[in-house]
Amino acid sequence: MNDPVNDLVVQWAGVVVPVVVTTVSALLGWVLWSMRKTYVTHEQCESCRTTMNNRLSGLEGVLENAPSSKDMQAVVVKLSDISGELKAANARAEGQAELLRALSRQVAMLNDYHVTKGK
């Protein structure tokens, strides 16, 4: 009833089982150590959350003071009005320049007549 295979298994079981258990424990320890380095700790997460909340609060403050779409629409309307007024003022200035040229020609003609008449 002594089977040589069973005797060999029993003989090596005392060596193989501790080696396998030690190897598995070492691998499990390495995996846990690697996960500790990969995942964020609670302190790091809280620090990051505080920083992000501060940045978000700053952005919200800036956005509260930023003009709304209605404000921007009002600015666009005002700029359109100013553009129209500038075009009208430019047209009036061009018309006045034309009148000044005509008046200048008349003054030059009168000046020429009076200067030449006096000679």
N, C-alpha and C. Protein backbone atom coordinates (compact mmCIF):
# COMPACT_ATOMS: atom_id res chain seq x y z
N MET A 1 0.79 -1.18 0.00
CA MET A 1 0.00 0.00 0.00
C MET A 1 0.84 1.26 0.00
N ASN A 2 2.07 1.03 0.07
CA ASN A 2 2.94 2.20 -0.03
C ASN A 2 3.17 2.49 -1.50
N ASP A 3 2.55 3.52 -1.89
CA ASP A 3 2.68 3.95 -3.28
C ASP A 3 3.86 4.93 -3.33
N PRO A 4 4.82 4.72 -4.23
CA PRO A 4 5.99 5.59 -4.27
C PRO A 4 5.64 7.04 -4.66
N VAL A 5 4.57 7.23 -5.45
CA VAL A 5 4.18 8.59 -5.84
C VAL A 5 3.63 9.32 -4.64
N ASN A 6 2.79 8.64 -3.85
CA ASN A 6 2.23 9.27 -2.66
C ASN A 6 3.34 9.62 -1.67
N ASP A 7 4.30 8.74 -1.52
CA ASP A 7 5.41 9.02 -0.61
C ASP A 7 6.19 10.25 -1.08
N LEU A 8 6.39 10.35 -2.37
CA LEU A 8 7.13 11.49 -2.92
C LEU A 8 6.34 12.79 -2.71
N VAL A 9 5.02 12.75 -2.93
CA VAL A 9 4.18 13.94 -2.75
C VAL A 9 4.20 14.37 -1.30
N VAL A 10 4.07 13.44 -0.40
CA VAL A 10 4.08 13.77 1.03
C VAL A 10 5.44 14.32 1.42
N GLN A 11 6.48 13.77 0.89
CA GLN A 11 7.83 14.20 1.22
C GLN A 11 8.08 15.63 0.72
N TRP A 12 7.64 15.94 -0.49
CA TRP A 12 7.87 17.29 -1.05
C TRP A 12 6.82 18.31 -0.61
N ALA A 13 5.71 17.86 -0.10
CA ALA A 13 4.66 18.79 0.34
C ALA A 13 5.17 19.69 1.46
N GLY A 14 6.02 19.16 2.32
CA GLY A 14 6.57 19.96 3.41
C GLY A 14 7.48 21.07 2.90
N VAL A 15 8.00 20.94 1.69
CA VAL A 15 8.89 21.96 1.13
C VAL A 15 8.12 22.86 0.16
N VAL A 16 7.30 22.28 -0.68
CA VAL A 16 6.62 23.03 -1.73
C VAL A 16 5.56 23.97 -1.15
N VAL A 17 4.77 23.51 -0.20
CA VAL A 17 3.69 24.32 0.35
C VAL A 17 4.25 25.60 0.99
N PRO A 18 5.26 25.56 1.84
CA PRO A 18 5.79 26.81 2.40
C PRO A 18 6.37 27.74 1.32
N VAL A 19 7.01 27.16 0.29
CA VAL A 19 7.57 28.00 -0.78
C VAL A 19 6.44 28.68 -1.54
N VAL A 20 5.37 27.97 -1.85
CA VAL A 20 4.24 28.54 -2.57
C VAL A 20 3.56 29.61 -1.72
N VAL A 21 3.36 29.33 -0.44
CA VAL A 21 2.73 30.30 0.46
C VAL A 21 3.59 31.55 0.57
N THR A 22 4.90 31.40 0.70
CA THR A 22 5.80 32.55 0.79
C THR A 22 5.78 33.36 -0.51
N THR A 23 5.78 32.67 -1.64
CA THR A 23 5.75 33.36 -2.93
C THR A 23 4.45 34.13 -3.11
N VAL A 24 3.33 33.50 -2.79
CA VAL A 24 2.03 34.16 -2.92
C VAL A 24 1.95 35.35 -1.97
N SER A 25 2.45 35.21 -0.75
CA SER A 25 2.45 36.31 0.21
C SER A 25 3.31 37.47 -0.29
N ALA A 26 4.46 37.13 -0.86
CA ALA A 26 5.34 38.17 -1.39
C ALA A 26 4.66 38.90 -2.55
N LEU A 27 4.04 38.14 -3.45
CA LEU A 27 3.32 38.77 -4.56
C LEU A 27 2.17 39.64 -4.07
N LEU A 28 1.42 39.17 -3.09
CA LEU A 28 0.33 39.95 -2.53
C LEU A 28 0.85 41.22 -1.87
N GLY A 29 1.95 41.11 -1.16
CA GLY A 29 2.57 42.29 -0.55
C GLY A 29 3.03 43.29 -1.60
N TRP A 30 3.63 42.81 -2.67
CA TRP A 30 4.07 43.69 -3.74
C TRP A 30 2.88 44.39 -4.40
N VAL A 31 1.78 43.64 -4.62
CA VAL A 31 0.58 44.23 -5.22
C VAL A 31 0.02 45.31 -4.31
N LEU A 32 -0.06 45.05 -3.03
CA LEU A 32 -0.57 46.06 -2.09
C LEU A 32 0.35 47.27 -2.05
N TRP A 33 1.65 47.06 -2.07
CA TRP A 33 2.60 48.18 -2.07
C TRP A 33 2.44 49.01 -3.34
N SER A 34 2.26 48.32 -4.48
CA SER A 34 2.07 49.03 -5.74
C SER A 34 0.77 49.83 -5.74
N MET A 35 -0.27 49.29 -5.19
CA MET A 35 -1.54 49.99 -5.12
C MET A 35 -1.43 51.22 -4.21
N ARG A 36 -0.65 51.12 -3.16
CA ARG A 36 -0.46 52.26 -2.27
C ARG A 36 0.21 53.40 -3.03
N LYS A 37 1.13 53.08 -3.91
CA LYS A 37 1.81 54.10 -4.69
C LYS A 37 0.92 54.62 -5.82
N THR A 38 -0.03 53.82 -6.28
CA THR A 38 -0.87 54.20 -7.40
C THR A 38 -2.07 55.05 -6.96
N TYR A 39 -2.70 54.67 -5.88
CA TYR A 39 -3.91 55.35 -5.44
C TYR A 39 -3.57 56.55 -4.56
N VAL A 40 -4.49 57.49 -4.51
CA VAL A 40 -4.30 58.73 -3.77
C VAL A 40 -4.73 58.51 -2.32
N THR A 41 -3.95 59.10 -1.40
CA THR A 41 -4.33 59.00 0.01
C THR A 41 -5.43 60.01 0.30
N HIS A 42 -6.08 59.86 1.45
CA HIS A 42 -7.14 60.79 1.83
C HIS A 42 -6.60 62.20 2.02
N GLU A 43 -5.39 62.33 2.55
CA GLU A 43 -4.80 63.65 2.76
C GLU A 43 -4.53 64.34 1.43
N GLN A 44 -3.99 63.58 0.49
CA GLN A 44 -3.72 64.15 -0.83
C GLN A 44 -5.02 64.54 -1.53
N CYS A 45 -6.04 63.72 -1.38
CA CYS A 45 -7.33 64.00 -1.99
C CYS A 45 -7.94 65.26 -1.37
N GLU A 46 -7.87 65.39 -0.06
CA GLU A 46 -8.42 66.57 0.62
C GLU A 46 -7.66 67.83 0.21
N SER A 47 -6.34 67.73 0.09
CA SER A 47 -5.53 68.86 -0.33
C SER A 47 -5.91 69.29 -1.74
N CYS A 48 -6.05 68.33 -2.63
CA CYS A 48 -6.43 68.63 -4.01
C CYS A 48 -7.84 69.22 -4.07
N ARG A 49 -8.75 68.67 -3.27
CA ARG A 49 -10.12 69.17 -3.24
C ARG A 49 -10.15 70.62 -2.75
N THR A 50 -9.37 70.94 -1.73
CA THR A 50 -9.31 72.31 -1.21
C THR A 50 -8.78 73.26 -2.28
N THR A 51 -7.72 72.85 -2.95
CA THR A 51 -7.16 73.68 -4.02
C THR A 51 -8.18 73.91 -5.13
N MET A 52 -8.85 72.87 -5.54
CA MET A 52 -9.84 73.00 -6.62
C MET A 52 -11.02 73.86 -6.18
N ASN A 53 -11.45 73.73 -4.92
CA ASN A 53 -12.54 74.56 -4.42
C ASN A 53 -12.14 76.03 -4.42
N ASN A 54 -10.90 76.32 -4.03
CA ASN A 54 -10.42 77.70 -4.05
C ASN A 54 -10.40 78.26 -5.46
N ARG A 55 -9.91 77.46 -6.39
CA ARG A 55 -9.87 77.91 -7.78
C ARG A 55 -11.27 78.12 -8.33
N LEU A 56 -12.18 77.20 -8.01
CA LEU A 56 -13.55 77.30 -8.48
C LEU A 56 -14.23 78.53 -7.88
N SER A 57 -13.98 78.81 -6.61
CA SER A 57 -14.57 80.00 -5.98
C SER A 57 -14.06 81.26 -6.67
N GLY A 58 -12.79 81.29 -7.00
CA GLY A 58 -12.24 82.44 -7.71
C GLY A 58 -12.89 82.62 -9.07
N LEU A 59 -13.06 81.53 -9.79
CA LEU A 59 -13.71 81.61 -11.11
C LEU A 59 -15.17 82.05 -10.99
N GLU A 60 -15.86 81.55 -9.97
CA GLU A 60 -17.24 81.96 -9.78
C GLU A 60 -17.32 83.45 -9.48
N GLY A 61 -16.38 83.95 -8.69
CA GLY A 61 -16.35 85.38 -8.39
C GLY A 61 -16.12 86.21 -9.63
N VAL A 62 -15.24 85.75 -10.49
CA VAL A 62 -14.97 86.47 -11.74
C VAL A 62 -16.21 86.43 -12.64
N LEU A 63 -16.86 85.27 -12.70
CA LEU A 63 -18.03 85.14 -13.57
C LEU A 63 -19.21 85.96 -13.07
N GLU A 64 -19.29 86.19 -11.75
CA GLU A 64 -20.37 87.03 -11.24
C GLU A 64 -20.23 88.46 -11.74
N ASN A 65 -18.99 88.91 -11.91
CA ASN A 65 -18.74 90.28 -12.36
C ASN A 65 -18.66 90.40 -13.88
N ALA A 66 -18.66 89.30 -14.56
CA ALA A 66 -18.57 89.32 -16.03
C ALA A 66 -19.90 89.79 -16.61
N PRO A 67 -19.87 90.47 -17.74
CA PRO A 67 -21.12 90.93 -18.35
C PRO A 67 -21.94 89.74 -18.86
N SER A 68 -23.25 89.90 -18.74
CA SER A 68 -24.14 88.85 -19.22
C SER A 68 -24.37 89.03 -20.72
N SER A 69 -25.10 88.12 -21.31
CA SER A 69 -25.38 88.22 -22.74
C SER A 69 -26.26 89.44 -23.03
N LYS A 70 -27.14 89.80 -22.10
CA LYS A 70 -27.97 91.00 -22.29
C LYS A 70 -27.09 92.24 -22.27
N ASP A 71 -26.12 92.28 -21.35
CA ASP A 71 -25.20 93.41 -21.29
C ASP A 71 -24.41 93.53 -22.59
N MET A 72 -23.92 92.41 -23.09
CA MET A 72 -23.15 92.43 -24.33
C MET A 72 -24.03 92.85 -25.51
N GLN A 73 -25.29 92.42 -25.52
CA GLN A 73 -26.20 92.83 -26.58
C GLN A 73 -26.42 94.34 -26.53
N ALA A 74 -26.54 94.89 -25.31
CA ALA A 74 -26.70 96.34 -25.17
C ALA A 74 -25.46 97.07 -25.69
N VAL A 75 -24.28 96.52 -25.42
CA VAL A 75 -23.04 97.13 -25.92
C VAL A 75 -23.01 97.10 -27.45
N VAL A 76 -23.42 96.00 -28.03
CA VAL A 76 -23.44 95.89 -29.49
C VAL A 76 -24.41 96.91 -30.09
N VAL A 77 -25.58 97.08 -29.46
CA VAL A 77 -26.56 98.05 -29.95
C VAL A 77 -25.99 99.46 -29.85
N LYS A 78 -25.35 99.78 -28.72
CA LYS A 78 -24.76 101.11 -28.54
C LYS A 78 -23.67 101.35 -29.59
N LEU A 79 -22.83 100.34 -29.83
CA LEU A 79 -21.78 100.49 -30.84
C LEU A 79 -22.38 100.70 -32.23
N SER A 80 -23.47 100.04 -32.52
CA SER A 80 -24.14 100.24 -33.81
C SER A 80 -24.65 101.67 -33.91
N ASP A 81 -25.24 102.17 -32.82
CA ASP A 81 -25.73 103.56 -32.82
C ASP A 81 -24.58 104.54 -33.02
N ILE A 82 -23.49 104.31 -32.31
CA ILE A 82 -22.32 105.20 -32.43
C ILE A 82 -21.76 105.14 -33.85
N SER A 83 -21.73 103.95 -34.43
CA SER A 83 -21.23 103.80 -35.80
C SER A 83 -22.09 104.60 -36.76
N GLY A 84 -23.41 104.53 -36.59
CA GLY A 84 -24.30 105.30 -37.44
C GLY A 84 -24.10 106.80 -37.26
N GLU A 85 -23.94 107.23 -36.01
CA GLU A 85 -23.71 108.66 -35.74
C GLU A 85 -22.39 109.12 -36.35
N LEU A 86 -21.36 108.28 -36.28
CA LEU A 86 -20.07 108.64 -36.88
C LEU A 86 -20.17 108.75 -38.40
N LYS A 87 -20.92 107.86 -39.01
CA LYS A 87 -21.09 107.93 -40.46
C LYS A 87 -21.82 109.21 -40.85
N ALA A 88 -22.85 109.56 -40.05
CA ALA A 88 -23.59 110.80 -40.34
C ALA A 88 -22.68 112.01 -40.14
N ALA A 89 -21.88 112.02 -39.07
CA ALA A 89 -20.96 113.15 -38.83
C ALA A 89 -19.93 113.24 -39.95
N ASN A 90 -19.45 112.11 -40.43
CA ASN A 90 -18.49 112.09 -41.53
C ASN A 90 -19.12 112.65 -42.80
N ALA A 91 -20.37 112.30 -43.06
CA ALA A 91 -21.06 112.83 -44.25
C ALA A 91 -21.23 114.34 -44.13
N ARG A 92 -21.59 114.81 -42.91
CA ARG A 92 -21.72 116.27 -42.73
C ARG A 92 -20.38 116.96 -42.92
N ALA A 93 -19.31 116.37 -42.42
CA ALA A 93 -17.98 116.97 -42.56
C ALA A 93 -17.57 117.02 -44.03
N GLU A 94 -17.86 115.98 -44.78
CA GLU A 94 -17.55 115.98 -46.21
C GLU A 94 -18.36 117.06 -46.93
N GLY A 95 -19.64 117.23 -46.55
CA GLY A 95 -20.46 118.28 -47.15
C GLY A 95 -19.93 119.65 -46.82
N GLN A 96 -19.49 119.84 -45.58
CA GLN A 96 -18.93 121.13 -45.20
C GLN A 96 -17.60 121.38 -45.91
N ALA A 97 -16.82 120.33 -46.11
CA ALA A 97 -15.57 120.49 -46.84
C ALA A 97 -15.83 120.94 -48.27
N GLU A 98 -16.88 120.40 -48.87
CA GLU A 98 -17.24 120.81 -50.23
C GLU A 98 -17.66 122.28 -50.25
N LEU A 99 -18.44 122.68 -49.24
CA LEU A 99 -18.84 124.10 -49.15
C LEU A 99 -17.63 125.00 -48.93
N LEU A 100 -16.68 124.54 -48.12
CA LEU A 100 -15.48 125.34 -47.88
C LEU A 100 -14.65 125.48 -49.15
N ARG A 101 -14.60 124.45 -49.97
CA ARG A 101 -13.87 124.54 -51.23
C ARG A 101 -14.52 125.56 -52.16
N ALA A 102 -15.84 125.52 -52.21
CA ALA A 102 -16.56 126.48 -53.06
C ALA A 102 -16.35 127.91 -52.55
N LEU A 103 -16.43 128.07 -51.23
CA LEU A 103 -16.22 129.39 -50.64
C LEU A 103 -14.78 129.86 -50.85
N SER A 104 -13.85 128.93 -50.77
CA SER A 104 -12.44 129.25 -50.97
C SER A 104 -12.21 129.73 -52.40
N ARG A 105 -12.86 129.09 -53.36
CA ARG A 105 -12.73 129.53 -54.76
C ARG A 105 -13.30 130.94 -54.94
N GLN A 106 -14.43 131.18 -54.29
CA GLN A 106 -15.03 132.52 -54.41
C GLN A 106 -14.14 133.58 -53.77
N VAL A 107 -13.57 133.26 -52.60
CA VAL A 107 -12.68 134.22 -51.94
C VAL A 107 -11.44 134.45 -52.79
N ALA A 108 -10.92 133.42 -53.38
CA ALA A 108 -9.74 133.56 -54.24
C ALA A 108 -10.07 134.42 -55.45
N MET A 109 -11.25 134.22 -56.03
CA MET A 109 -11.63 135.04 -57.19
C MET A 109 -11.80 136.50 -56.78
N LEU A 110 -12.43 136.75 -55.63
CA LEU A 110 -12.59 138.14 -55.17
C LEU A 110 -11.23 138.76 -54.86
N ASN A 111 -10.37 137.98 -54.27
CA ASN A 111 -9.04 138.46 -53.93
C ASN A 111 -8.27 138.83 -55.20
N ASP A 112 -8.34 137.94 -56.19
CA ASP A 112 -7.67 138.21 -57.47
C ASP A 112 -8.23 139.47 -58.13
N TYR A 113 -9.54 139.62 -58.09
CA TYR A 113 -10.17 140.78 -58.73
C TYR A 113 -9.74 142.08 -58.05
N HIS A 114 -9.77 142.09 -56.73
CA HIS A 114 -9.43 143.30 -56.00
C HIS A 114 -7.94 143.61 -56.07
N VAL A 115 -7.11 142.59 -56.10
CA VAL A 115 -5.67 142.82 -56.18
C VAL A 115 -5.32 143.34 -57.56
N THR A 116 -5.88 142.76 -58.60
CA THR A 116 -5.56 143.20 -59.95
C THR A 116 -6.22 144.52 -60.29
N LYS A 117 -7.36 144.84 -59.70
CA LYS A 117 -8.05 146.09 -59.95
C LYS A 117 -7.30 147.27 -59.35
N GLY A 118 -6.66 146.99 -58.23
CA GLY A 118 -5.92 148.06 -57.56
C GLY A 118 -4.65 148.42 -58.29
N LYS A 119 -4.19 147.71 -59.25
CA LYS A 119 -2.95 148.00 -59.94
C LYS A 119 -3.15 148.90 -61.08
